[in-house]
Amino acid sequence: MKVSQREIYADGLGEAGSEADTYQKMLIANTQTIVEGLGGKYTAFTAQ
């Protein structure tokens, strides 16, 4: 079953300059992909 048209980063980080070139950015990109793939609305977290 495919959740999204976007790929999940599973085996490592993305290439330099990509949306997932650090561990934190990779987790954010994967979370966004899963949430939107399941029909939800992704809202980025911002620390206050």
N, C-alpha and C. Protein backbone atom coordinates (compact mmCIF):
# COMPACT_ATOMS: atom_id res chain seq x y z
N MET A 1 0.84 -1.17 0.00
CA MET A 1 0.00 0.00 0.00
C MET A 1 0.88 1.23 0.00
N LYS A 2 0.63 2.12 -0.89
CA LYS A 2 1.40 3.35 -1.00
C LYS A 2 0.66 4.46 -0.24
N VAL A 3 1.37 5.14 0.65
CA VAL A 3 0.78 6.21 1.45
C VAL A 3 0.89 7.54 0.72
N SER A 4 1.96 7.73 -0.02
CA SER A 4 2.22 9.02 -0.65
C SER A 4 3.01 8.84 -1.94
N GLN A 5 2.92 9.81 -2.81
CA GLN A 5 3.73 9.81 -4.02
C GLN A 5 5.18 10.17 -3.70
N ARG A 6 5.39 10.87 -2.58
CA ARG A 6 6.74 11.26 -2.16
C ARG A 6 7.44 10.08 -1.51
N GLU A 7 8.73 10.04 -1.63
CA GLU A 7 9.54 8.99 -1.03
C GLU A 7 9.80 9.27 0.45
N ILE A 8 9.90 8.21 1.23
CA ILE A 8 10.29 8.30 2.64
C ILE A 8 11.79 8.06 2.70
N TYR A 9 12.49 8.85 3.50
CA TYR A 9 13.92 8.65 3.70
C TYR A 9 14.08 7.55 4.76
N ALA A 10 14.51 6.36 4.33
CA ALA A 10 14.57 5.22 5.24
C ALA A 10 16.00 4.72 5.47
N ASP A 11 16.85 4.85 4.49
CA ASP A 11 18.19 4.28 4.59
C ASP A 11 19.28 5.31 4.85
N GLY A 12 18.88 6.53 5.10
CA GLY A 12 19.87 7.57 5.36
C GLY A 12 19.33 8.94 5.02
N LEU A 13 20.21 9.90 5.11
CA LEU A 13 19.84 11.27 4.83
C LEU A 13 19.74 11.51 3.33
N GLY A 14 19.12 12.62 2.97
CA GLY A 14 19.06 13.01 1.57
C GLY A 14 20.39 13.63 1.14
N GLU A 15 20.49 13.93 -0.12
CA GLU A 15 21.70 14.55 -0.65
C GLU A 15 21.87 15.96 -0.07
N ALA A 16 23.09 16.44 -0.08
CA ALA A 16 23.37 17.79 0.41
C ALA A 16 22.51 18.80 -0.34
N GLY A 17 21.88 19.70 0.41
CA GLY A 17 21.01 20.70 -0.17
C GLY A 17 19.57 20.26 -0.33
N SER A 18 19.27 19.00 -0.01
CA SER A 18 17.90 18.52 -0.13
C SER A 18 17.10 18.86 1.12
N GLU A 19 15.81 18.52 1.11
CA GLU A 19 14.95 18.78 2.26
C GLU A 19 15.28 17.86 3.44
N ALA A 20 16.17 16.92 3.24
CA ALA A 20 16.48 15.95 4.28
C ALA A 20 17.99 15.74 4.42
N ASP A 21 18.75 16.81 4.34
CA ASP A 21 20.21 16.66 4.40
C ASP A 21 20.77 16.64 5.82
N THR A 22 19.92 16.77 6.83
CA THR A 22 20.33 16.57 8.23
C THR A 22 19.33 15.61 8.86
N TYR A 23 19.68 15.04 9.98
CA TYR A 23 18.79 14.09 10.66
C TYR A 23 17.47 14.75 11.02
N GLN A 24 17.53 15.95 11.58
CA GLN A 24 16.32 16.66 11.98
C GLN A 24 15.43 16.96 10.77
N LYS A 25 16.02 17.44 9.69
CA LYS A 25 15.25 17.75 8.48
C LYS A 25 14.67 16.49 7.85
N MET A 26 15.38 15.37 7.96
CA MET A 26 14.88 14.10 7.44
C MET A 26 13.64 13.66 8.21
N LEU A 27 13.67 13.79 9.54
CA LEU A 27 12.51 13.44 10.35
C LEU A 27 11.31 14.32 10.02
N ILE A 28 11.55 15.61 9.82
CA ILE A 28 10.48 16.54 9.47
C ILE A 28 9.90 16.18 8.10
N ALA A 29 10.75 15.93 7.12
CA ALA A 29 10.29 15.58 5.77
C ALA A 29 9.47 14.30 5.79
N ASN A 30 9.92 13.28 6.52
CA ASN A 30 9.18 12.03 6.61
C ASN A 30 7.84 12.22 7.31
N THR A 31 7.82 13.00 8.38
CA THR A 31 6.58 13.27 9.09
C THR A 31 5.59 13.96 8.16
N GLN A 32 6.04 14.97 7.43
CA GLN A 32 5.17 15.69 6.51
C GLN A 32 4.63 14.76 5.43
N THR A 33 5.47 13.91 4.88
CA THR A 33 5.05 12.97 3.85
C THR A 33 3.97 12.03 4.36
N ILE A 34 4.16 11.50 5.56
CA ILE A 34 3.19 10.55 6.13
C ILE A 34 1.87 11.25 6.46
N VAL A 35 1.93 12.40 7.13
CA VAL A 35 0.71 13.12 7.51
C VAL A 35 -0.10 13.49 6.28
N GLU A 36 0.54 14.08 5.29
CA GLU A 36 -0.18 14.49 4.09
C GLU A 36 -0.64 13.29 3.27
N GLY A 37 0.13 12.22 3.27
CA GLY A 37 -0.25 11.01 2.55
C GLY A 37 -1.48 10.36 3.12
N LEU A 38 -1.69 10.52 4.43
CA LEU A 38 -2.88 9.97 5.08
C LEU A 38 -4.05 10.94 5.08
N GLY A 39 -3.88 12.08 4.39
CA GLY A 39 -4.98 13.03 4.25
C GLY A 39 -5.02 14.12 5.29
N GLY A 40 -4.01 14.21 6.13
CA GLY A 40 -3.96 15.24 7.15
C GLY A 40 -3.33 16.53 6.65
N LYS A 41 -3.33 17.51 7.51
CA LYS A 41 -2.71 18.81 7.21
C LYS A 41 -1.47 18.94 8.07
N TYR A 42 -0.32 19.04 7.43
CA TYR A 42 0.94 19.19 8.15
C TYR A 42 1.15 20.65 8.51
N THR A 43 1.41 20.90 9.77
CA THR A 43 1.73 22.24 10.25
C THR A 43 3.10 22.17 10.91
N ALA A 44 4.02 22.93 10.39
CA ALA A 44 5.38 22.92 10.95
C ALA A 44 5.39 23.44 12.37
N PHE A 45 6.15 22.79 13.23
CA PHE A 45 6.30 23.21 14.62
C PHE A 45 7.33 24.33 14.69
N THR A 46 7.01 25.35 15.44
CA THR A 46 7.98 26.42 15.68
C THR A 46 8.08 26.63 17.19
N ALA A 47 9.28 26.56 17.70
CA ALA A 47 9.52 26.78 19.13
C ALA A 47 9.30 28.25 19.48
N GLN A 48 8.75 28.48 20.64
CA GLN A 48 8.48 29.86 21.04
C GLN A 48 9.34 30.24 22.21
